[in-house]
Amino acid sequence: MLAQDNVDDVIGGSRFTGEIDILPVDVDGNEYWLWQAIESVSPRVVVIEMNPSLGDTLSVTVPYDPALDRLRKHPSGFYRGASLVAMAGLGTRKG
């Protein structure tokens, strides 16, 4: 299972390091935290799931939980991920 503390080791241990064209991140909940932890690659494009129900004006993320099950946290499934503003901010910080 990918987690914040091992995702970079998993990616860095593969043949993909340095600059890459695309990095898809879709794990239904912890995308922000996994992307934040990835340092072994520098993608030109990141395709990442965000949570539109968190709005488009505030930087909001759900707290990191390595055992996150979004449907157990809330039956709607909306308890997951991060807002577009949070993802954009992380992208800016990561270059």
Protein backbone atom coordinates (compact mmCIF):
# COMPACT_ATOMS: atom_id res chain seq x y z
CA MET A 1 0.00 0.00 0.00
CA LEU A 2 1.33 3.41 -0.93
CA ALA A 3 1.67 5.79 1.98
CA GLN A 4 3.20 9.17 2.60
CA ASP A 5 6.28 7.56 4.13
CA ASN A 6 6.98 5.08 1.30
CA VAL A 7 5.64 6.54 -1.96
CA ASP A 8 8.91 8.24 -2.89
CA ASP A 9 10.90 5.07 -2.18
CA VAL A 10 8.54 3.07 -4.41
CA ILE A 11 8.84 5.56 -7.27
CA GLY A 12 12.56 6.19 -6.75
CA GLY A 13 13.21 2.44 -6.67
CA SER A 14 11.75 2.09 -10.14
CA ARG A 15 13.37 3.10 -13.40
CA PHE A 16 11.56 6.44 -13.22
CA THR A 17 13.64 9.19 -11.66
CA GLY A 18 14.38 12.81 -12.46
CA GLU A 19 12.30 14.55 -15.09
CA ILE A 20 9.27 12.65 -16.38
CA ASP A 21 6.43 13.66 -18.66
CA ILE A 22 3.38 12.77 -16.58
CA LEU A 23 2.56 11.74 -13.01
CA PRO A 24 -0.96 10.44 -12.38
CA VAL A 25 -2.09 10.39 -8.74
CA ASP A 26 -5.51 8.90 -7.91
CA VAL A 27 -5.97 6.98 -4.65
CA ASP A 28 -9.36 8.31 -3.50
CA GLY A 29 -8.30 10.40 -0.56
CA ASN A 30 -4.62 11.04 0.14
CA GLU A 31 -3.52 12.42 -3.24
CA TYR A 32 -2.30 15.75 -1.83
CA TRP A 33 -0.12 14.09 0.80
CA LEU A 34 1.35 11.52 -1.58
CA TRP A 35 2.21 14.16 -4.18
CA GLN A 36 3.78 16.30 -1.46
CA ALA A 37 6.02 13.38 -0.47
CA ILE A 38 7.21 12.60 -4.01
CA GLU A 39 10.66 14.04 -4.59
CA SER A 40 12.37 11.43 -6.80
CA VAL A 41 10.64 12.60 -9.98
CA SER A 42 9.96 15.99 -11.48
CA PRO A 43 6.88 15.69 -13.70
CA ARG A 44 6.04 18.13 -16.49
CA VAL A 45 2.33 17.39 -15.92
CA VAL A 46 0.52 16.06 -12.85
CA VAL A 47 -2.92 14.53 -13.30
CA ILE A 48 -4.37 14.42 -9.82
CA GLU A 49 -7.78 13.84 -8.35
CA MET A 50 -9.10 16.80 -6.37
CA ASN A 51 -12.31 17.28 -4.42
CA PRO A 52 -14.60 19.86 -6.06
CA SER A 53 -16.99 19.72 -3.11
CA LEU A 54 -14.34 21.57 -1.04
CA GLY A 55 -14.90 24.68 -3.17
CA ASP A 56 -12.68 26.78 -5.39
CA THR A 57 -11.72 29.64 -3.09
CA LEU A 58 -10.07 28.07 -0.03
CA SER A 59 -7.00 25.89 0.36
CA VAL A 60 -8.46 22.85 2.12
CA THR A 61 -7.18 19.30 2.60
CA VAL A 62 -8.44 16.43 4.68
CA PRO A 63 -5.86 15.39 7.28
CA TYR A 64 -3.48 12.65 6.21
CA ASP A 65 -4.66 9.20 7.22
CA PRO A 66 -2.75 6.19 5.84
CA ALA A 67 -5.82 3.99 6.39
CA LEU A 68 -8.30 6.46 4.88
CA ASP A 69 -11.52 4.91 3.67
CA ARG A 70 -13.56 7.83 2.40
CA LEU A 71 -16.86 5.98 2.62
CA ARG A 72 -16.24 5.01 6.23
CA LYS A 73 -15.35 8.60 7.12
CA HIS A 74 -18.63 9.82 5.65
CA PRO A 75 -21.30 7.88 3.71
CA SER A 76 -21.33 10.52 0.96
CA GLY A 77 -17.72 9.74 0.01
CA PHE A 78 -16.99 13.48 0.01
CA TYR A 79 -14.49 13.23 2.90
CA ARG A 80 -11.39 12.94 0.75
CA GLY A 81 -8.64 14.79 -1.03
CA ALA A 82 -8.00 18.48 -1.34
CA SER A 83 -9.46 21.55 -2.97
CA LEU A 84 -8.27 22.87 -6.32
CA VAL A 85 -6.64 25.82 -4.54
CA ALA A 86 -4.68 23.45 -2.27
CA MET A 87 -3.51 21.36 -5.22
CA ALA A 88 -2.52 24.44 -7.22
CA GLY A 89 -0.57 25.79 -4.25
CA LEU A 90 1.28 22.52 -3.82
CA GLY A 91 2.06 22.47 -7.54
CA THR A 92 3.48 25.98 -7.30
CA ARG A 93 5.65 25.05 -4.31
CA LYS A 94 6.92 21.96 -6.10
CA GLY A 95 7.78 23.99 -9.18
